[in-house]
Amino acid sequence: LIEKNLRRSGITNKLVTAGDGQLALDYLHGAGDF
């Protein structure tokens, strides 16, 4: 819903989704799955 409505408002930016806090930090640090 967030992505759909951001797109509706004209936001075309790359959007990466993380489903938990550790995945978010892994993404930011290029660690774990990233």
PDB file of all heavy atoms in Angstrom:
ATOM      1  N   LEU A   1       0.828  -1.204   0.000  1.00  0.00           N
ATOM      2  CA  LEU A   1       0.000   0.000   0.000  1.00  0.00           C
ATOM      3  C   LEU A   1       0.870   1.265   0.000  1.00  0.00           C
ATOM      4  O   LEU A   1       0.575   2.235  -0.710  1.00  0.00           O
ATOM      5  CB  LEU A   1      -0.926  -0.020   1.219  1.00  0.00           C
ATOM      6  CG  LEU A   1      -2.037   1.000   1.269  1.00  0.00           C
ATOM      7  CD1 LEU A   1      -2.955   0.874   0.062  1.00  0.00           C
ATOM      8  CD2 LEU A   1      -2.845   0.817   2.559  1.00  0.00           C
ATOM      9  N   ILE A   2       1.929   1.251   0.762  1.00  0.00           N
ATOM     10  CA  ILE A   2       2.846   2.395   0.798  1.00  0.00           C
ATOM     11  C   ILE A   2       3.471   2.602  -0.570  1.00  0.00           C
ATOM     12  O   ILE A   2       3.470   3.714  -1.112  1.00  0.00           O
ATOM     13  CB  ILE A   2       3.922   2.208   1.893  1.00  0.00           C
ATOM     14  CG1 ILE A   2       3.268   2.315   3.280  1.00  0.00           C
ATOM     15  CG2 ILE A   2       5.052   3.224   1.731  1.00  0.00           C
ATOM     16  CD1 ILE A   2       4.143   1.823   4.423  1.00  0.00           C
ATOM     17  N   GLU A   3       3.998   1.516  -1.161  1.00  0.00           N
ATOM     18  CA  GLU A   3       4.624   1.658  -2.478  1.00  0.00           C
ATOM     19  C   GLU A   3       3.614   2.137  -3.515  1.00  0.00           C
ATOM     20  O   GLU A   3       3.888   3.052  -4.304  1.00  0.00           O
ATOM     21  CB  GLU A   3       5.252   0.349  -2.937  1.00  0.00           C
ATOM     22  CG  GLU A   3       5.914   0.507  -4.295  1.00  0.00           C
ATOM     23  CD  GLU A   3       6.710  -0.691  -4.752  1.00  0.00           C
ATOM     24  OE1 GLU A   3       6.648  -1.753  -4.116  1.00  0.00           O
ATOM     25  OE2 GLU A   3       7.401  -0.548  -5.776  1.00  0.00           O
ATOM     26  N   LYS A   4       2.426   1.527  -3.535  1.00  0.00           N
ATOM     27  CA  LYS A   4       1.392   1.891  -4.514  1.00  0.00           C
ATOM     28  C   LYS A   4       1.050   3.376  -4.424  1.00  0.00           C
ATOM     29  O   LYS A   4       0.957   4.079  -5.436  1.00  0.00           O
ATOM     30  CB  LYS A   4       0.140   1.034  -4.271  1.00  0.00           C
ATOM     31  CG  LYS A   4      -1.002   1.304  -5.231  1.00  0.00           C
ATOM     32  CD  LYS A   4      -2.083   0.251  -5.058  1.00  0.00           C
ATOM     33  CE  LYS A   4      -3.300   0.847  -4.408  1.00  0.00           C
ATOM     34  NZ  LYS A   4      -4.406  -0.099  -4.274  1.00  0.00           N
ATOM     35  N   ASN A   5       0.884   3.890  -3.204  1.00  0.00           N
ATOM     36  CA  ASN A   5       0.492   5.284  -3.042  1.00  0.00           C
ATOM     37  C   ASN A   5       1.641   6.261  -3.238  1.00  0.00           C
ATOM     38  O   ASN A   5       1.424   7.391  -3.665  1.00  0.00           O
ATOM     39  CB  ASN A   5      -0.221   5.485  -1.711  1.00  0.00           C
ATOM     40  CG  ASN A   5      -1.621   4.936  -1.778  1.00  0.00           C
ATOM     41  OD1 ASN A   5      -2.482   5.496  -2.447  1.00  0.00           O
ATOM     42  ND2 ASN A   5      -1.855   3.798  -1.143  1.00  0.00           N
ATOM     43  N   LEU A   6       2.865   5.835  -2.967  1.00  0.00           N
ATOM     44  CA  LEU A   6       4.012   6.672  -3.324  1.00  0.00           C
ATOM     45  C   LEU A   6       4.085   6.811  -4.842  1.00  0.00           C
ATOM     46  O   LEU A   6       4.312   7.901  -5.369  1.00  0.00           O
ATOM     47  CB  LEU A   6       5.317   6.088  -2.783  1.00  0.00           C
ATOM     48  CG  LEU A   6       5.566   6.242  -1.289  1.00  0.00           C
ATOM     49  CD1 LEU A   6       6.832   5.494  -0.882  1.00  0.00           C
ATOM     50  CD2 LEU A   6       5.650   7.703  -0.882  1.00  0.00           C
ATOM     51  N   ARG A   7       3.878   5.698  -5.540  1.00  0.00           N
ATOM     52  CA  ARG A   7       3.904   5.725  -7.015  1.00  0.00           C
ATOM     53  C   ARG A   7       2.775   6.615  -7.542  1.00  0.00           C
ATOM     54  O   ARG A   7       2.975   7.380  -8.489  1.00  0.00           O
ATOM     55  CB  ARG A   7       3.785   4.323  -7.596  1.00  0.00           C
ATOM     56  CG  ARG A   7       4.884   3.351  -7.198  1.00  0.00           C
ATOM     57  CD  ARG A   7       6.230   3.758  -7.683  1.00  0.00           C
ATOM     58  NE  ARG A   7       7.260   2.776  -7.330  1.00  0.00           N
ATOM     59  CZ  ARG A   7       8.473   3.107  -6.954  1.00  0.00           C
ATOM     60  NH1 ARG A   7       8.848   4.362  -6.870  1.00  0.00           N
ATOM     61  NH2 ARG A   7       9.355   2.171  -6.659  1.00  0.00           N
ATOM     62  N   ARG A   8       1.595   6.532  -6.928  1.00  0.00           N
ATOM     63  CA  ARG A   8       0.462   7.368  -7.348  1.00  0.00           C
ATOM     64  C   ARG A   8       0.757   8.854  -7.170  1.00  0.00           C
ATOM     65  O   ARG A   8       0.200   9.684  -7.882  1.00  0.00           O
ATOM     66  CB  ARG A   8      -0.793   7.018  -6.549  1.00  0.00           C
ATOM     67  CG  ARG A   8      -1.495   5.788  -7.036  1.00  0.00           C
ATOM     68  CD  ARG A   8      -2.771   5.589  -6.265  1.00  0.00           C
ATOM     69  NE  ARG A   8      -3.489   4.426  -6.748  1.00  0.00           N
ATOM     70  CZ  ARG A   8      -4.483   3.853  -6.111  1.00  0.00           C
ATOM     71  NH1 ARG A   8      -4.906   4.332  -4.947  1.00  0.00           N
ATOM     72  NH2 ARG A   8      -5.075   2.801  -6.613  1.00  0.00           N
ATOM     73  N   SER A   9       1.593   9.174  -6.195  1.00  0.00           N
ATOM     74  CA  SER A   9       1.919  10.585  -5.963  1.00  0.00           C
ATOM     75  C   SER A   9       3.065  11.055  -6.858  1.00  0.00           C
ATOM     76  O   SER A   9       3.525  12.181  -6.730  1.00  0.00           O
ATOM     77  CB  SER A   9       2.251  10.818  -4.490  1.00  0.00           C
ATOM     78  OG  SER A   9       3.480  10.207  -4.159  1.00  0.00           O
ATOM     79  N   GLY A  10       3.521  10.165  -7.753  1.00  0.00           N
ATOM     80  CA  GLY A  10       4.553  10.560  -8.705  1.00  0.00           C
ATOM     81  C   GLY A  10       5.966  10.183  -8.309  1.00  0.00           C
ATOM     82  O   GLY A  10       6.916  10.527  -9.010  1.00  0.00           O
ATOM     83  N   ILE A  11       6.141   9.485  -7.204  1.00  0.00           N
ATOM     84  CA  ILE A  11       7.475   9.065  -6.769  1.00  0.00           C
ATOM     85  C   ILE A  11       7.887   7.845  -7.582  1.00  0.00           C
ATOM     86  O   ILE A  11       7.243   6.799  -7.523  1.00  0.00           O
ATOM     87  CB  ILE A  11       7.492   8.747  -5.252  1.00  0.00           C
ATOM     88  CG1 ILE A  11       7.153  10.000  -4.446  1.00  0.00           C
ATOM     89  CG2 ILE A  11       8.829   8.152  -4.820  1.00  0.00           C
ATOM     90  CD1 ILE A  11       8.131  11.145  -4.585  1.00  0.00           C
ATOM     91  N   THR A  12       8.971   7.973  -8.344  1.00  0.00           N
ATOM     92  CA  THR A  12       9.452   6.871  -9.175  1.00  0.00           C
ATOM     93  C   THR A  12      10.799   6.347  -8.677  1.00  0.00           C
ATOM     94  O   THR A  12      11.413   5.501  -9.332  1.00  0.00           O
ATOM     95  CB  THR A  12       9.592   7.328 -10.641  1.00  0.00           C
ATOM     96  OG1 THR A  12      10.513   8.435 -10.680  1.00  0.00           O
ATOM     97  CG2 THR A  12       8.252   7.733 -11.224  1.00  0.00           C
ATOM     98  N   ASN A  13      11.244   6.840  -7.545  1.00  0.00           N
ATOM     99  CA  ASN A  13      12.538   6.460  -6.991  1.00  0.00           C
ATOM    100  C   ASN A  13      12.622   4.957  -6.763  1.00  0.00           C
ATOM    101  O   ASN A  13      11.612   4.288  -6.532  1.00  0.00           O
ATOM    102  CB  ASN A  13      12.770   7.157  -5.638  1.00  0.00           C
ATOM    103  CG  ASN A  13      12.638   8.648  -5.731  1.00  0.00           C
ATOM    104  OD1 ASN A  13      11.637   9.162  -6.223  1.00  0.00           O
ATOM    105  ND2 ASN A  13      13.618   9.364  -5.232  1.00  0.00           N
ATOM    106  N   LYS A  14      13.863   4.451  -6.777  1.00  0.00           N
ATOM    107  CA  LYS A  14      14.109   3.057  -6.424  1.00  0.00           C
ATOM    108  C   LYS A  14      13.618   2.859  -4.993  1.00  0.00           C
ATOM    109  O   LYS A  14      13.887   3.672  -4.114  1.00  0.00           O
ATOM    110  CB  LYS A  14      15.597   2.744  -6.523  1.00  0.00           C
ATOM    111  CG  LYS A  14      15.936   1.336  -6.071  1.00  0.00           C
ATOM    112  CD  LYS A  14      17.434   1.093  -6.146  1.00  0.00           C
ATOM    113  CE  LYS A  14      17.741  -0.293  -5.609  1.00  0.00           C
ATOM    114  NZ  LYS A  14      19.187  -0.531  -5.540  1.00  0.00           N
ATOM    115  N   LEU A  15      12.893   1.760  -4.761  1.00  0.00           N
ATOM    116  CA  LEU A  15      12.366   1.455  -3.432  1.00  0.00           C
ATOM    117  C   LEU A  15      12.810   0.045  -3.062  1.00  0.00           C
ATOM    118  O   LEU A  15      12.534  -0.907  -3.786  1.00  0.00           O
ATOM    119  CB  LEU A  15      10.842   1.543  -3.442  1.00  0.00           C
ATOM    120  CG  LEU A  15      10.194   1.396  -2.083  1.00  0.00           C
ATOM    121  CD1 LEU A  15      10.005   2.758  -1.436  1.00  0.00           C
ATOM    122  CD2 LEU A  15       8.848   0.720  -2.210  1.00  0.00           C
ATOM    123  N   VAL A  16      13.524  -0.063  -1.946  1.00  0.00           N
ATOM    124  CA  VAL A  16      13.967  -1.346  -1.418  1.00  0.00           C
ATOM    125  C   VAL A  16      13.189  -1.589  -0.136  1.00  0.00           C
ATOM    126  O   VAL A  16      13.062  -0.681   0.689  1.00  0.00           O
ATOM    127  CB  VAL A  16      15.483  -1.332  -1.112  1.00  0.00           C
ATOM    128  CG1 VAL A  16      15.931  -2.635  -0.470  1.00  0.00           C
ATOM    129  CG2 VAL A  16      16.283  -1.042  -2.371  1.00  0.00           C
ATOM    130  N   THR A  17      12.655  -2.806   0.034  1.00  0.00           N
ATOM    131  CA  THR A  17      11.889  -3.120   1.235  1.00  0.00           C
ATOM    132  C   THR A  17      12.642  -4.120   2.094  1.00  0.00           C
ATOM    133  O   THR A  17      13.162  -5.112   1.582  1.00  0.00           O
ATOM    134  CB  THR A  17      10.507  -3.701   0.868  1.00  0.00           C
ATOM    135  OG1 THR A  17       9.823  -2.752   0.049  1.00  0.00           O
ATOM    136  CG2 THR A  17       9.669  -3.964   2.105  1.00  0.00           C
ATOM    137  N   ALA A  18      12.694  -3.836   3.399  1.00  0.00           N
ATOM    138  CA  ALA A  18      13.262  -4.762   4.382  1.00  0.00           C
ATOM    139  C   ALA A  18      12.157  -5.093   5.377  1.00  0.00           C
ATOM    140  O   ALA A  18      11.493  -4.189   5.888  1.00  0.00           O
ATOM    141  CB  ALA A  18      14.462  -4.131   5.093  1.00  0.00           C
ATOM    142  N   GLY A  19      11.955  -6.373   5.655  1.00  0.00           N
ATOM    143  CA  GLY A  19      10.855  -6.809   6.506  1.00  0.00           C
ATOM    144  C   GLY A  19      11.160  -6.851   7.986  1.00  0.00           C
ATOM    145  O   GLY A  19      10.280  -7.149   8.786  1.00  0.00           O
ATOM    146  N   ASP A  20      12.404  -6.577   8.382  1.00  0.00           N
ATOM    147  CA  ASP A  20      12.724  -6.494   9.809  1.00  0.00           C
ATOM    148  C   ASP A  20      13.911  -5.556  10.006  1.00  0.00           C
ATOM    149  O   ASP A  20      14.581  -5.178   9.039  1.00  0.00           O
ATOM    150  CB  ASP A  20      12.977  -7.882  10.429  1.00  0.00           C
ATOM    151  CG  ASP A  20      14.243  -8.571   9.944  1.00  0.00           C
ATOM    152  OD1 ASP A  20      15.341  -7.972  10.051  1.00  0.00           O
ATOM    153  OD2 ASP A  20      14.152  -9.716   9.468  1.00  0.00           O
ATOM    154  N   GLY A  21      14.142  -5.186  11.248  1.00  0.00           N
ATOM    155  CA  GLY A  21      15.176  -4.209  11.555  1.00  0.00           C
ATOM    156  C   GLY A  21      16.579  -4.673  11.221  1.00  0.00           C
ATOM    157  O   GLY A  21      17.411  -3.881  10.760  1.00  0.00           O
ATOM    158  N   GLN A  22      16.865  -5.948  11.424  1.00  0.00           N
ATOM    159  CA  GLN A  22      18.204  -6.452  11.116  1.00  0.00           C
ATOM    160  C   GLN A  22      18.469  -6.417   9.617  1.00  0.00           C
ATOM    161  O   GLN A  22      19.555  -6.053   9.184  1.00  0.00           O
ATOM    162  CB  GLN A  22      18.396  -7.876  11.655  1.00  0.00           C
ATOM    163  CG  GLN A  22      19.819  -8.396  11.477  1.00  0.00           C
ATOM    164  CD  GLN A  22      20.847  -7.534  12.190  1.00  0.00           C
ATOM    165  OE1 GLN A  22      20.771  -7.333  13.397  1.00  0.00           O
ATOM    166  NE2 GLN A  22      21.824  -7.003  11.446  1.00  0.00           N
ATOM    167  N   LEU A  23      17.460  -6.786   8.827  1.00  0.00           N
ATOM    168  CA  LEU A  23      17.630  -6.716   7.366  1.00  0.00           C
ATOM    169  C   LEU A  23      17.900  -5.282   6.914  1.00  0.00           C
ATOM    170  O   LEU A  23      18.697  -5.051   5.998  1.00  0.00           O
ATOM    171  CB  LEU A  23      16.389  -7.252   6.653  1.00  0.00           C
ATOM    172  CG  LEU A  23      16.264  -8.764   6.539  1.00  0.00           C
ATOM    173  CD1 LEU A  23      14.912  -9.141   5.936  1.00  0.00           C
ATOM    174  CD2 LEU A  23      17.394  -9.355   5.722  1.00  0.00           C
ATOM    175  N   ALA A  24      17.247  -4.325   7.550  1.00  0.00           N
ATOM    176  CA  ALA A  24      17.466  -2.918   7.211  1.00  0.00           C
ATOM    177  C   ALA A  24      18.917  -2.528   7.469  1.00  0.00           C
ATOM    178  O   ALA A  24      19.570  -1.921   6.611  1.00  0.00           O
ATOM    179  CB  ALA A  24      16.522  -2.020   8.004  1.00  0.00           C
ATOM    180  N   LEU A  25      19.432  -2.887   8.644  1.00  0.00           N
ATOM    181  CA  LEU A  25      20.827  -2.559   8.957  1.00  0.00           C
ATOM    182  C   LEU A  25      21.787  -3.317   8.054  1.00  0.00           C
ATOM    183  O   LEU A  25      22.816  -2.773   7.629  1.00  0.00           O
ATOM    184  CB  LEU A  25      21.122  -2.837  10.432  1.00  0.00           C
ATOM    185  CG  LEU A  25      20.462  -1.872  11.412  1.00  0.00           C
ATOM    186  CD1 LEU A  25      20.703  -2.307  12.850  1.00  0.00           C
ATOM    187  CD2 LEU A  25      20.943  -0.438  11.199  1.00  0.00           C
ATOM    188  N   ASP A  26      21.466  -4.568   7.728  1.00  0.00           N
ATOM    189  CA  ASP A  26      22.300  -5.334   6.792  1.00  0.00           C
ATOM    190  C   ASP A  26      22.358  -4.625   5.447  1.00  0.00           C
ATOM    191  O   ASP A  26      23.423  -4.526   4.832  1.00  0.00           O
ATOM    192  CB  ASP A  26      21.762  -6.756   6.615  1.00  0.00           C
ATOM    193  CG  ASP A  26      22.031  -7.651   7.814  1.00  0.00           C
ATOM    194  OD1 ASP A  26      22.769  -7.238   8.737  1.00  0.00           O
ATOM    195  OD2 ASP A  26      21.474  -8.773   7.835  1.00  0.00           O
ATOM    196  N   TYR A  27      21.210  -4.141   4.965  1.00  0.00           N
ATOM    197  CA  TYR A  27      21.190  -3.410   3.698  1.00  0.00           C
ATOM    198  C   TYR A  27      22.085  -2.175   3.784  1.00  0.00           C
ATOM    199  O   TYR A  27      22.903  -1.907   2.895  1.00  0.00           O
ATOM    200  CB  TYR A  27      19.762  -3.014   3.315  1.00  0.00           C
ATOM    201  CG  TYR A  27      19.716  -2.170   2.065  1.00  0.00           C
ATOM    202  CD1 TYR A  27      19.845  -2.757   0.815  1.00  0.00           C
ATOM    203  CD2 TYR A  27      19.590  -0.784   2.140  1.00  0.00           C
ATOM    204  CE1 TYR A  27      19.839  -1.981  -0.346  1.00  0.00           C
ATOM    205  CE2 TYR A  27      19.581  -0.009   0.989  1.00  0.00           C
ATOM    206  CZ  TYR A  27      19.707  -0.611  -0.249  1.00  0.00           C
ATOM    207  OH  TYR A  27      19.710   0.164  -1.381  1.00  0.00           O
ATOM    208  N   LEU A  28      21.940  -1.419   4.855  1.00  0.00           N
ATOM    209  CA  LEU A  28      22.699  -0.181   5.009  1.00  0.00           C
ATOM    210  C   LEU A  28      24.202  -0.420   5.118  1.00  0.00           C
ATOM    211  O   LEU A  28      25.000   0.414   4.697  1.00  0.00           O
ATOM    212  CB  LEU A  28      22.201   0.583   6.234  1.00  0.00           C
ATOM    213  CG  LEU A  28      20.780   1.140   6.109  1.00  0.00           C
ATOM    214  CD1 LEU A  28      20.265   1.605   7.469  1.00  0.00           C
ATOM    215  CD2 LEU A  28      20.726   2.270   5.087  1.00  0.00           C
ATOM    216  N   HIS A  29      24.582  -1.579   5.690  1.00  0.00           N
ATOM    217  CA  HIS A  29      26.003  -1.903   5.865  1.00  0.00           C
ATOM    218  C   HIS A  29      26.547  -2.826   4.778  1.00  0.00           C
ATOM    219  O   HIS A  29      27.736  -3.152   4.802  1.00  0.00           O
ATOM    220  CB  HIS A  29      26.230  -2.555   7.234  1.00  0.00           C
ATOM    221  CG  HIS A  29      26.126  -1.605   8.365  1.00  0.00           C
ATOM    222  ND1 HIS A  29      25.109  -1.646   9.284  1.00  0.00           N
ATOM    223  CD2 HIS A  29      26.909  -0.554   8.725  1.00  0.00           C
ATOM    224  CE1 HIS A  29      25.270  -0.681  10.167  1.00  0.00           C
ATOM    225  NE2 HIS A  29      26.346   0.005   9.842  1.00  0.00           N
ATOM    226  N   GLY A  30      25.690  -3.301   3.862  1.00  0.00           N
ATOM    227  CA  GLY A  30      26.145  -4.250   2.852  1.00  0.00           C
ATOM    228  C   GLY A  30      26.583  -5.562   3.481  1.00  0.00           C
ATOM    229  O   GLY A  30      27.594  -6.148   3.101  1.00  0.00           O
ATOM    230  N   ALA A  31      25.807  -6.027   4.462  1.00  0.00           N
ATOM    231  CA  ALA A  31      26.145  -7.251   5.193  1.00  0.00           C
ATOM    232  C   ALA A  31      25.026  -8.281   5.034  1.00  0.00           C
ATOM    233  O   ALA A  31      23.981  -8.000   4.450  1.00  0.00           O
ATOM    234  CB  ALA A  31      26.345  -6.921   6.677  1.00  0.00           C
ATOM    235  N   GLY A  32      25.231  -9.482   5.601  1.00  0.00           N
ATOM    236  CA  GLY A  32      24.202 -10.521   5.577  1.00  0.00           C
ATOM    237  C   GLY A  32      23.757 -10.832   4.161  1.00  0.00           C
ATOM    238  O   GLY A  32      24.588 -11.065   3.275  1.00  0.00           O
ATOM    239  N   ASP A  33      22.439 -10.806   3.927  1.00  0.00           N
ATOM    240  CA  ASP A  33      21.881 -11.070   2.599  1.00  0.00           C
ATOM    241  C   ASP A  33      22.343 -10.039   1.562  1.00  0.00           C
ATOM    242  O   ASP A  33      22.224 -10.272   0.362  1.00  0.00           O
ATOM    243  CB  ASP A  33      20.341 -11.054   2.632  1.00  0.00           C
ATOM    244  CG  ASP A  33      19.762 -12.247   3.371  1.00  0.00           C
ATOM    245  OD1 ASP A  33      20.505 -13.226   3.613  1.00  0.00           O
ATOM    246  OD2 ASP A  33      18.570 -12.203   3.703  1.00  0.00           O
ATOM    247  N   PHE A  34      22.836  -8.899   2.030  1.00  0.00           N
ATOM    248  CA  PHE A  34      23.256  -7.823   1.128  1.00  0.00           C
ATOM    249  C   PHE A  34      24.771  -7.703   1.058  1.00  0.00           C
ATOM    250  O   PHE A  34      25.292  -6.676   0.611  1.00  0.00           O
ATOM    251  CB  PHE A  34      22.635  -6.497   1.577  1.00  0.00           C
ATOM    252  CG  PHE A  34      21.137  -6.528   1.617  1.00  0.00           C
ATOM    253  CD1 PHE A  34      20.469  -6.720   2.818  1.00  0.00           C
ATOM    254  CD2 PHE A  34      20.387  -6.394   0.459  1.00  0.00           C
ATOM    255  CE1 PHE A  34      19.088  -6.765   2.862  1.00  0.00           C
ATOM    256  CE2 PHE A  34      19.002  -6.440   0.490  1.00  0.00           C
ATOM    257  CZ  PHE A  34      18.345  -6.620   1.697  1.00  0.00           C
TER     258      PHE A  34
END
